């Protein structure tokens, strides 16, 4: 029986998991005495499971051709069509919003973007739990998909170190070609789910011990592991755990800088030590350099105004910069409780361009973080370093061999192509948002927030917070498309459109 269930198409399994997960908020609402919300989630989950069973029975006699592109297509359908089902209980339980807004909210949660259309006070604790749970499942989906779907196809950042073209397998993944893609997904899920759930549980317990309420701690723990930035209280700066909770969350955010922090089952690098991983080292360098520059900028402002320096305020300002930088680099988007201290201390506003740049760089390959990814930035850095050497010494020969040489040449070429596609997508989205009435600054922020899956940018990057609920319905759908595009990346979309899955 279990074998027959697990052999169903990937999208059908995702529908079943989504439907089954609705019973958790139903139980939560029932315990709180909110029977209407409990019924909304219970009926939606039951209806979804019945639909999955009926479709599964109808397709049981059909022979299906399994392939890598079929799973990639199912992943795209999961991010675009599955929120239609996930939004049903949200819409029915809230009762004061349109179904389109509920769909946008679920797309934002599932893609780990974390942009919200609702004030925290408007949603009940059960709805906050549902948003965080959907974001947590979206993060797990990306963890599994990176190793089981994107890595064999040399997509999602793996194309930088691969020898084959993006969307095709190379010799390093030859063992995957003989394996059933569905079994590979199940095997990877069995390996990563205990790690993902265990880390979330550990972070939840630490946040509760730090002083956060149980529900707030759970939502923040799931948001940190999924880098979704979803908070039931409007951000960690409104929590009660203060700097202790931020320190714990910052420690767990490091898992989004490199996959080697939690797994070595993919071939994104030949190095086995986390200390030698270029992504992790580059991420730590940014986490140290950017806050120091901000701190010096604020310190010079206080020095020039001849104000008496305060060591405690200075340390708080420095920590606020470190945590906020790490949060936006991993595309989580949490703002430190001491971030305002840095600005009040110096009287200077930090340009939102810094956060836009950090979010666009993003985290590590095969993690829940979005953005361009650190591995691609590192490949472009190696290529730029080599080009400057050739400018000084035109006849010089590069010293790198093997893996580093391939990353510096072919990897940098593919990384530059991706960066150009990212820039073109950013330009197109910004033009569309501007056409729907947004200002130039807001259009850029909306486009970067969608493509980097960093929803909190809309509130911290511009001078005036962008209200997503005020956008036109067509602009909301475009924002959904941008979030899906940013989660899957343009190379995966191109590989999907040019594959033979349509010819079959």
Protein backbone atom coordinates (compact mmCIF):
# COMPACT_ATOMS: atom_id res chain seq x y z
CA UNK A 1 0.00 0.00 0.00
CA UNK A 2 2.76 2.41 0.92
CA UNK A 3 4.63 1.53 -2.27
CA UNK A 4 1.58 2.37 -4.39
CA UNK A 5 1.14 5.71 -2.64
CA UNK A 6 4.78 6.71 -3.02
CA UNK A 7 4.76 5.74 -6.70
CA UNK A 8 2.19 8.42 -7.52
CA UNK A 9 3.24 11.55 -9.50
CA UNK A 10 5.21 14.13 -7.58
CA UNK A 11 2.61 16.87 -7.87
CA UNK A 12 -0.09 14.54 -6.55
CA UNK A 13 2.11 13.70 -3.57
CA UNK A 14 2.62 17.41 -2.93
CA UNK A 15 -1.15 17.90 -2.97
CA UNK A 16 -1.55 15.08 -0.46
CA UNK A 17 1.11 16.51 1.86
CA UNK A 18 -0.46 19.97 1.63
CA UNK A 19 -3.91 18.60 2.40
CA UNK A 20 -2.69 16.49 5.31
CA UNK A 21 -0.81 19.46 6.82
CA UNK A 22 -4.10 21.38 7.12
CA UNK A 23 -5.10 19.18 10.04
CA UNK A 24 -2.37 20.72 12.22
CA UNK A 25 -3.86 24.26 12.20
CA UNK A 26 -7.31 22.64 12.54
CA UNK A 27 -6.18 21.02 15.79
CA UNK A 28 -4.56 24.28 16.90
CA UNK A 29 -7.72 26.28 16.24
CA UNK A 30 -9.81 23.67 18.04
CA UNK A 31 -7.60 23.88 21.13
CA UNK A 32 -7.97 27.67 21.11
CA UNK A 33 -11.76 27.41 20.81
CA UNK A 34 -11.91 28.93 17.32
CA UNK A 35 -14.27 26.34 15.90
CA UNK A 36 -14.97 28.15 12.63
CA UNK A 37 -11.26 28.21 11.73
CA UNK A 38 -10.93 24.60 12.84
CA UNK A 39 -13.75 23.56 10.54
CA UNK A 40 -12.32 25.58 7.64
CA UNK A 41 -8.98 23.79 7.80
CA UNK A 42 -10.49 20.38 8.58
CA UNK A 43 -12.97 20.50 5.70
CA UNK A 44 -10.35 21.82 3.26
CA UNK A 45 -7.88 19.12 4.27
CA UNK A 46 -10.48 16.38 4.00
CA UNK A 47 -11.65 17.64 0.61
CA UNK A 48 -8.07 17.81 -0.63
CA UNK A 49 -7.29 14.26 0.49
CA UNK A 50 -10.47 12.97 -1.20
CA UNK A 51 -9.46 14.71 -4.42
CA UNK A 52 -5.96 13.21 -4.23
CA UNK A 53 -7.36 9.71 -3.66
CA UNK A 54 -9.80 10.00 -6.56
CA UNK A 55 -7.13 11.26 -8.97
CA UNK A 56 -4.72 8.58 -7.77
CA UNK A 57 -7.28 5.85 -8.39
CA UNK A 58 -8.08 7.25 -11.82
CA UNK A 59 -4.38 7.23 -12.78
CA UNK A 60 -3.50 3.90 -11.21
CA UNK A 61 -3.93 1.95 -14.45
CA UNK A 62 -1.84 4.30 -16.54
CA UNK A 63 1.84 3.71 -17.25
CA UNK A 64 3.86 6.83 -16.62
CA UNK A 65 7.21 7.74 -18.10
CA UNK A 66 9.43 9.07 -15.37
CA UNK A 67 12.07 11.62 -16.18
CA UNK A 68 14.06 14.50 -14.75
CA UNK A 69 12.11 17.13 -16.69
CA UNK A 70 8.83 15.67 -15.52
CA UNK A 71 9.88 16.27 -11.91
CA UNK A 72 11.01 19.79 -12.78
CA UNK A 73 7.61 20.44 -14.32
CA UNK A 74 5.94 19.07 -11.18
CA UNK A 75 8.09 21.41 -9.09
CA UNK A 76 6.97 24.38 -11.18
CA UNK A 77 3.34 23.28 -10.81
CA UNK A 78 3.86 22.92 -7.08
CA UNK A 79 4.89 26.56 -6.68
CA UNK A 80 2.25 27.94 -9.05
CA UNK A 81 -0.83 25.69 -8.68
CA UNK A 82 -0.50 24.20 -5.20
CA UNK A 83 -1.10 27.61 -3.52
CA UNK A 84 -4.58 27.56 -5.07
CA UNK A 85 -5.42 24.70 -2.71
CA UNK A 86 -3.44 26.07 0.23
CA UNK A 87 -5.25 29.40 -0.02
CA UNK A 88 -8.72 27.83 0.34
CA UNK A 89 -8.73 27.37 4.15
CA UNK A 90 -6.88 30.68 4.61
CA UNK A 91 -9.56 32.52 2.64
CA UNK A 92 -12.44 30.74 4.37
CA UNK A 93 -11.02 31.27 7.86
CA UNK A 94 -10.20 34.96 7.37
CA UNK A 95 -13.50 35.84 5.62
CA UNK A 96 -12.49 39.51 5.10
CA UNK A 97 -10.25 39.26 2.03
CA UNK A 98 -10.42 38.19 -1.58
CA UNK A 99 -9.29 34.82 -2.82
CA UNK A 100 -6.62 36.54 -4.92
CA UNK A 101 -5.05 38.04 -1.80
CA UNK A 102 -5.11 34.63 -0.13
CA UNK A 103 -3.43 33.10 -3.19
CA UNK A 104 -0.71 35.77 -3.21
CA UNK A 105 -0.13 35.16 0.49
CA UNK A 106 0.28 31.43 -0.05
CA UNK A 107 2.61 31.87 -3.04
CA UNK A 108 4.70 34.23 -0.92
CA UNK A 109 4.83 31.68 1.90
CA UNK A 110 5.51 28.60 -0.23
CA UNK A 111 8.31 30.30 -2.17
CA UNK A 112 9.81 31.41 1.20
CA UNK A 113 9.47 35.05 0.17
CA UNK A 114 7.58 36.12 3.28
CA UNK A 115 5.92 39.22 1.83
CA UNK A 116 2.51 39.71 3.42
CA UNK A 117 -0.60 41.66 2.53
CA UNK A 118 -1.99 41.70 6.07
CA UNK A 119 -1.08 43.42 9.31
CA UNK A 120 -0.14 40.98 12.09
CA UNK A 121 -3.10 42.09 14.19
CA UNK A 122 -5.56 41.16 11.45
CA UNK A 123 -4.63 37.47 11.41
CA UNK A 124 -5.40 34.98 14.14
CA UNK A 125 -2.69 32.80 15.75
CA UNK A 126 -3.89 29.83 13.68
CA UNK A 127 -3.49 31.74 10.41
CA UNK A 128 -0.01 32.86 11.46
CA UNK A 129 0.84 29.23 12.19
CA UNK A 130 -0.46 28.21 8.76
CA UNK A 131 1.64 30.85 6.99
CA UNK A 132 4.78 29.78 8.83
CA UNK A 133 4.02 26.09 8.23
CA UNK A 134 3.55 26.63 4.48
CA UNK A 135 6.83 28.55 4.35
CA UNK A 136 8.57 25.77 6.30
CA UNK A 137 7.28 23.15 3.87
CA UNK A 138 8.42 25.32 0.96
CA UNK A 139 11.92 25.43 2.42
CA UNK A 140 11.97 21.65 2.82
CA UNK A 141 10.77 21.28 -0.76
CA UNK A 142 13.73 23.34 -1.99
CA UNK A 143 16.18 21.36 0.16
CA UNK A 144 14.95 18.10 -1.34
CA UNK A 145 14.58 19.44 -4.88
CA UNK A 146 18.11 20.79 -4.91
CA UNK A 147 19.64 17.34 -4.40
CA UNK A 148 17.02 15.20 -6.14
CA UNK A 149 15.90 17.35 -9.10
CA UNK A 150 18.17 20.33 -9.74
CA UNK A 151 21.57 18.70 -9.11
CA UNK A 152 21.15 15.90 -11.69
CA UNK A 153 20.09 18.51 -14.25
CA UNK A 154 22.95 20.91 -13.39
CA UNK A 155 20.56 23.68 -12.40
CA UNK A 156 20.11 25.88 -9.35
CA UNK A 157 23.81 26.82 -9.17
CA UNK A 158 25.25 23.37 -9.86
CA UNK A 159 25.87 24.40 -13.47
CA UNK A 160 28.83 26.48 -12.26
CA UNK A 161 30.88 23.40 -11.30
CA UNK A 162 29.41 20.96 -13.85
CA UNK A 163 30.90 19.91 -17.17
CA UNK A 164 27.59 19.56 -19.01
CA UNK A 165 25.22 22.29 -20.14
CA UNK A 166 22.46 23.46 -17.77
CA UNK A 167 19.45 21.18 -18.02
CA UNK A 168 21.53 18.12 -18.95
CA UNK A 169 23.28 15.44 -16.93
CA UNK A 170 27.05 14.98 -16.97
CA UNK A 171 29.27 12.02 -16.21
CA UNK A 172 29.42 12.88 -12.52
CA UNK A 173 25.72 12.24 -12.29
CA UNK A 174 25.70 9.15 -14.46
CA UNK A 175 24.54 7.02 -11.59
CA UNK A 176 21.37 9.10 -11.41
CA UNK A 177 20.41 8.30 -15.00
CA UNK A 178 19.85 4.63 -14.18
CA UNK A 179 17.91 5.34 -10.99
CA UNK A 180 14.23 6.03 -10.74
CA UNK A 181 13.84 9.82 -10.18
CA UNK A 182 10.89 9.20 -7.89
CA UNK A 183 12.91 6.87 -5.66
CA UNK A 184 15.74 9.38 -5.56
CA UNK A 185 13.34 12.05 -4.30
CA UNK A 186 12.05 9.74 -1.58
CA UNK A 187 15.59 8.74 -0.58
CA UNK A 188 16.75 12.34 -0.33
CA UNK A 189 13.62 13.26 1.64
CA UNK A 190 14.29 10.46 4.11
CA UNK A 191 17.82 11.77 4.57
CA UNK A 192 17.11 15.50 4.87
CA UNK A 193 13.74 15.63 6.64
CA UNK A 194 15.11 14.47 10.04
CA UNK A 195 17.90 17.07 9.80
CA UNK A 196 15.50 19.84 8.80
CA UNK A 197 12.91 18.97 11.45
CA UNK A 198 15.56 18.40 14.14
CA UNK A 199 17.19 21.79 13.55
CA UNK A 200 13.80 23.49 13.62
CA UNK A 201 12.89 21.77 16.88
CA UNK A 202 16.22 22.71 18.46
CA UNK A 203 15.84 26.35 17.43
CA UNK A 204 12.26 26.43 18.73
CA UNK A 205 13.34 25.17 22.15
CA UNK A 206 16.20 27.69 22.30
CA UNK A 207 13.89 30.58 21.43
CA UNK A 208 11.35 29.51 24.05
CA UNK A 209 14.13 29.35 26.65
CA UNK A 210 15.26 32.82 25.49
CA UNK A 211 11.87 34.25 26.42
CA UNK A 212 9.66 34.09 23.31
CA UNK A 213 6.08 32.87 23.41
CA UNK A 214 5.72 29.28 22.18
CA UNK A 215 3.82 30.16 18.99
CA UNK A 216 6.09 33.11 18.19
CA UNK A 217 9.17 30.96 18.77
CA UNK A 218 7.80 28.19 16.55
CA UNK A 219 6.98 30.58 13.70
CA UNK A 220 10.38 32.25 13.93
CA UNK A 221 12.16 28.89 14.08
CA UNK A 222 10.39 27.66 10.95
CA UNK A 223 11.00 31.00 9.23
CA UNK A 224 14.73 30.97 9.96
CA UNK A 225 15.20 27.42 8.66
CA UNK A 226 13.14 28.20 5.55
CA UNK A 227 14.55 31.76 5.21
CA UNK A 228 10.97 32.97 4.75
CA UNK A 229 11.02 35.87 7.21
CA UNK A 230 7.45 35.16 8.35
CA UNK A 231 6.64 36.54 11.80
CA UNK A 232 3.34 36.66 13.71
CA UNK A 233 4.41 39.84 15.50
CA UNK A 234 5.80 41.84 12.58
CA UNK A 235 9.45 40.87 13.03
CA UNK A 236 11.92 39.66 15.63
CA UNK A 237 12.46 43.26 16.74
CA UNK A 238 9.04 43.06 18.39
CA UNK A 239 9.84 39.83 20.27
CA UNK A 240 10.84 39.31 23.88
CA UNK A 241 13.96 37.19 23.39
CA UNK A 242 15.97 40.29 22.38
CA UNK A 243 19.66 39.84 21.59
CA UNK A 244 19.76 36.29 22.99
CA UNK A 245 17.15 35.08 20.53
CA UNK A 246 18.83 36.95 17.69
CA UNK A 247 22.16 35.31 18.47
CA UNK A 248 20.56 31.88 18.35
CA UNK A 249 18.75 32.66 15.09
CA UNK A 250 21.93 34.07 13.59
CA UNK A 251 23.71 30.82 14.35
CA UNK A 252 21.06 28.82 12.51
CA UNK A 253 21.06 31.28 9.59
CA UNK A 254 24.58 30.08 8.81
CA UNK A 255 23.01 26.91 7.38
CA UNK A 256 21.79 29.04 4.47
CA UNK A 257 25.32 30.11 3.49
CA UNK A 258 26.47 26.70 2.27
CA UNK A 259 25.02 23.24 1.83
CA UNK A 260 28.15 21.77 3.38
CA UNK A 261 26.90 23.00 6.76
CA UNK A 262 24.30 20.21 6.79
CA UNK A 263 24.93 17.82 3.89
CA UNK A 264 27.54 16.61 1.40
CA UNK A 265 25.25 14.68 -0.94
CA UNK A 266 25.63 17.06 -3.89
CA UNK A 267 28.59 18.00 -6.07
CA UNK A 268 28.65 21.78 -5.76
CA UNK A 269 32.27 21.68 -4.62
CA UNK A 270 35.14 19.22 -4.37
CA UNK A 271 36.15 20.52 -0.94
CA UNK A 272 34.94 18.58 2.04
CA UNK A 273 35.83 21.02 4.81
CA UNK A 274 33.44 23.85 5.58
CA UNK A 275 36.44 26.07 6.31
CA UNK A 276 37.60 25.67 2.70
CA UNK A 277 34.18 26.12 1.14
CA UNK A 278 34.22 29.28 -1.01
CA UNK A 279 30.54 30.02 -0.43
CA UNK A 280 30.82 29.91 3.34
CA UNK A 281 34.00 31.99 3.38
CA UNK A 282 32.56 34.60 1.03
CA UNK A 283 29.36 34.78 3.07
CA UNK A 284 31.27 35.27 6.32
CA UNK A 285 33.40 37.95 4.69
CA UNK A 286 30.28 39.88 3.70
CA UNK A 287 28.74 39.42 7.15
CA UNK A 288 31.89 40.94 8.71
CA UNK A 289 32.76 43.62 6.14
CA UNK A 290 29.33 45.21 5.56
CA UNK A 291 28.48 45.75 9.28
CA UNK A 292 31.98 47.16 9.89
CA UNK A 293 31.55 49.67 7.08
CA UNK A 294 28.13 50.65 8.40
CA UNK A 295 29.52 50.91 11.93
CA UNK A 296 32.39 53.15 10.81
CA UNK A 297 29.93 55.29 8.86
CA UNK A 298 27.74 55.77 11.92
CA UNK A 299 30.76 56.25 14.19
CA UNK A 300 32.18 59.00 11.99
CA UNK A 301 28.82 60.74 12.12
CA UNK A 302 28.86 60.78 15.92
CA UNK A 303 32.50 61.81 15.98
CA UNK A 304 31.98 64.73 13.61
CA UNK A 305 29.08 66.01 15.68
CA UNK A 306 31.30 65.93 18.82
CA UNK A 307 28.81 63.81 20.72
CA UNK A 308 30.01 61.77 23.65
CA UNK A 309 30.51 58.17 22.49
CA UNK A 310 28.74 55.39 24.32
CA UNK A 311 30.39 51.97 24.24
CA UNK A 312 27.16 50.09 24.95
CA UNK A 313 25.28 51.87 22.17
CA UNK A 314 28.20 51.27 19.82
CA UNK A 315 28.21 47.52 20.53
CA UNK A 316 24.44 47.33 20.12
CA UNK A 317 24.70 49.18 16.83
CA UNK A 318 27.43 46.81 15.66
CA UNK A 319 25.37 43.74 16.57
CA UNK A 320 22.33 45.21 14.85
CA UNK A 321 24.36 45.55 11.68
CA UNK A 322 25.77 42.00 11.89
CA UNK A 323 22.41 40.31 12.45
CA UNK A 324 20.54 42.36 9.85
CA UNK A 325 23.29 41.83 7.27
CA UNK A 326 23.30 38.07 7.83
CA UNK A 327 19.51 38.00 7.72
CA UNK A 328 19.23 39.77 4.38
CA UNK A 329 22.21 37.92 2.88
CA UNK A 330 20.39 34.66 3.58
CA UNK A 331 17.19 36.30 2.20
CA UNK A 332 15.42 35.81 5.54
CA UNK A 333 14.75 39.51 6.01
CA UNK A 334 14.55 39.80 9.80
CA UNK A 335 15.53 43.17 11.24
CA UNK A 336 17.50 43.31 14.49
CA UNK A 337 15.99 44.92 17.56
CA UNK A 338 19.13 47.09 17.72
CA UNK A 339 19.03 48.15 14.09
CA UNK A 340 17.15 51.29 15.06
CA UNK A 341 19.83 51.90 17.68
CA UNK A 342 22.44 52.23 14.95
CA UNK A 343 20.43 54.86 13.12
CA UNK A 344 19.41 56.75 16.26
CA UNK A 345 22.99 56.66 17.50
CA UNK A 346 24.36 58.46 14.45
CA UNK A 347 21.32 60.20 13.06
CA UNK A 348 21.98 58.72 9.61
CA UNK A 349 19.61 56.56 7.58
CA UNK A 350 21.12 53.47 5.99
CA UNK A 351 20.44 53.37 2.23
CA UNK A 352 18.06 50.61 1.22
CA UNK A 353 20.40 49.85 -1.66
CA UNK A 354 22.62 47.92 0.78
CA UNK A 355 19.80 45.51 1.61
CA UNK A 356 18.83 45.19 -2.05
CA UNK A 357 22.41 44.25 -2.89
CA UNK A 358 22.68 41.70 -0.07
CA UNK A 359 19.38 40.09 -1.04
CA UNK A 360 20.40 39.88 -4.70
CA UNK A 361 23.67 38.12 -3.75
CA UNK A 362 21.73 35.59 -1.68
CA UNK A 363 22.96 32.51 0.14
CA UNK A 364 24.50 29.22 -0.84
CA UNK A 365 23.65 26.80 -3.62
CA UNK A 366 21.13 24.07 -2.70
CA UNK A 367 19.94 25.93 0.39
CA UNK A 368 16.63 27.61 1.12
CA UNK A 369 18.11 31.04 0.39
CA UNK A 370 17.34 32.86 -2.84
CA UNK A 371 19.25 35.44 -4.87
CA UNK A 372 22.03 35.00 -7.41
CA UNK A 373 23.86 32.63 -4.99
CA UNK A 374 27.34 32.95 -3.50
CA UNK A 375 28.88 30.28 -5.73
CA UNK A 376 28.09 32.28 -8.86
CA UNK A 377 29.51 35.45 -7.30
CA UNK A 378 32.66 33.54 -6.37
CA UNK A 379 33.02 32.22 -9.94
CA UNK A 380 32.71 35.75 -11.33
CA UNK A 381 35.27 36.95 -8.78
CA UNK A 382 37.79 34.31 -9.89
CA UNK A 383 37.24 35.21 -13.52
CA UNK A 384 37.63 38.93 -12.82
CA UNK A 385 40.82 38.30 -10.86
CA UNK A 386 42.27 36.34 -13.75
CA UNK A 387 41.32 39.03 -16.28
CA UNK A 388 43.08 41.69 -14.20
CA UNK A 389 46.19 39.52 -14.11
CA UNK A 390 46.11 39.26 -17.89
CA UNK A 391 45.82 43.04 -18.17
CA UNK A 392 49.04 43.42 -16.18
CA UNK A 393 50.81 40.38 -17.66
CA UNK A 394 49.21 39.45 -21.03
CA UNK A 395 51.41 36.36 -21.46
CA UNK A 396 50.82 34.96 -17.99
CA UNK A 397 49.46 31.47 -17.41
CA UNK A 398 46.79 30.81 -14.80
CA UNK A 399 47.93 28.90 -11.73
CA UNK A 400 44.62 27.15 -11.06
CA UNK A 401 44.11 23.57 -12.20
CA UNK A 402 41.25 21.09 -12.26
CA UNK A 403 38.16 22.21 -10.37
CA UNK A 404 39.19 25.85 -9.91
CA UNK A 405 40.08 26.24 -13.58
CA UNK A 406 36.70 24.91 -14.69
CA UNK A 407 34.89 27.28 -12.29
CA UNK A 408 37.00 30.20 -13.45
CA UNK A 409 36.28 29.58 -17.14
CA UNK A 410 33.14 27.61 -17.95
CA UNK A 411 31.61 28.27 -14.54
CA UNK A 412 32.11 32.01 -14.82
CA UNK A 413 30.64 31.97 -18.33
CA UNK A 414 27.46 30.26 -17.12
CA UNK A 415 27.33 32.47 -14.03
CA UNK A 416 27.55 35.57 -16.20
CA UNK A 417 24.73 34.29 -18.40
CA UNK A 418 22.58 33.72 -15.32
CA UNK A 419 23.43 37.18 -14.00
CA UNK A 420 22.36 38.72 -17.30
CA UNK A 421 19.11 36.74 -17.25
CA UNK A 422 18.55 37.89 -13.67
CA UNK A 423 19.18 41.51 -14.68
CA UNK A 424 16.82 41.25 -17.66
CA UNK A 425 14.12 39.69 -15.48
CA UNK A 426 14.62 42.44 -12.92
CA UNK A 427 14.30 45.11 -15.60
CA UNK A 428 11.17 43.54 -17.09
CA UNK A 429 9.47 43.19 -13.70
CA UNK A 430 10.37 46.76 -12.72
CA UNK A 431 8.92 48.08 -15.98
CA UNK A 432 5.71 46.13 -15.44
CA UNK A 433 5.31 47.38 -11.88
CA UNK A 434 6.00 50.93 -13.04
CA UNK A 435 3.37 50.48 -15.74
CA UNK A 436 0.85 49.56 -13.04
CA UNK A 437 1.47 52.84 -11.23
CA UNK A 438 4.36 52.18 -8.85
CA UNK A 439 7.16 54.71 -8.55
CA UNK A 440 10.59 53.88 -9.92
CA UNK A 441 12.02 53.16 -6.46
CA UNK A 442 9.06 51.00 -5.42
CA UNK A 443 9.13 49.13 -8.73
CA UNK A 444 12.80 48.24 -8.22
CA UNK A 445 12.18 47.14 -4.64
CA UNK A 446 9.20 44.97 -5.64
CA UNK A 447 11.18 43.34 -8.45
CA UNK A 448 14.20 42.59 -6.23
CA UNK A 449 11.98 41.33 -3.39
CA UNK A 450 10.23 38.92 -5.77
CA UNK A 451 13.28 37.62 -7.63
CA UNK A 452 15.43 37.25 -4.50
CA UNK A 453 12.49 35.84 -2.46
CA UNK A 454 13.11 38.44 0.26
CA UNK A 455 9.68 39.82 1.08
CA UNK A 456 10.65 42.03 4.06
CA UNK A 457 12.53 44.27 1.62
CA UNK A 458 9.26 46.04 0.81
CA UNK A 459 9.12 47.43 4.34
CA UNK A 460 12.76 48.23 5.12
CA UNK A 461 14.37 49.15 1.78
CA UNK A 462 12.18 52.08 0.62
CA UNK A 463 11.66 55.26 2.61
CA UNK A 464 7.94 54.54 2.81
CA UNK A 465 6.72 50.98 3.31
CA UNK A 466 5.09 49.41 0.26
CA UNK A 467 1.58 48.12 0.91
CA UNK A 468 1.03 45.05 -1.28
CA UNK A 469 -2.71 45.12 -0.70
CA UNK A 470 -2.90 48.45 -2.54
CA UNK A 471 -1.46 47.01 -5.75
CA UNK A 472 -3.72 46.33 -8.70
CA UNK A 473 -4.90 42.71 -9.11
CA UNK A 474 -2.77 42.31 -12.24
CA UNK A 475 0.28 43.68 -10.37
CA UNK A 476 -0.29 41.11 -7.61
CA UNK A 477 -0.30 38.31 -10.18
CA UNK A 478 2.91 39.69 -11.68
CA UNK A 479 4.42 39.72 -8.20
CA UNK A 480 3.42 36.05 -7.83
CA UNK A 481 5.09 35.26 -11.15
CA UNK A 482 8.23 37.04 -10.02
CA UNK A 483 8.35 35.04 -6.78
CA UNK A 484 7.95 31.75 -8.64
CA UNK A 485 10.59 32.79 -11.16
CA UNK A 486 12.96 33.80 -8.38
CA UNK A 487 12.44 30.51 -6.55
CA UNK A 488 13.00 28.26 -9.58
CA UNK A 489 15.43 30.58 -11.40
CA UNK A 490 15.36 31.52 -15.08
CA UNK A 491 17.75 28.78 -16.22
CA UNK A 492 15.35 26.14 -14.90
CA UNK A 493 12.43 27.79 -16.70
CA UNK A 494 14.40 27.91 -19.95
CA UNK A 495 15.45 24.28 -19.57
CA UNK A 496 11.83 23.35 -18.93
CA UNK A 497 10.54 25.24 -21.98
CA UNK A 498 13.21 23.78 -24.26
CA UNK A 499 12.95 20.19 -23.05
CA UNK A 500 11.36 17.24 -24.78
CA UNK A 501 8.63 16.97 -22.13
CA UNK A 502 6.32 18.93 -24.43
CA UNK A 503 7.16 16.83 -27.50
CA UNK A 504 6.05 13.73 -25.58
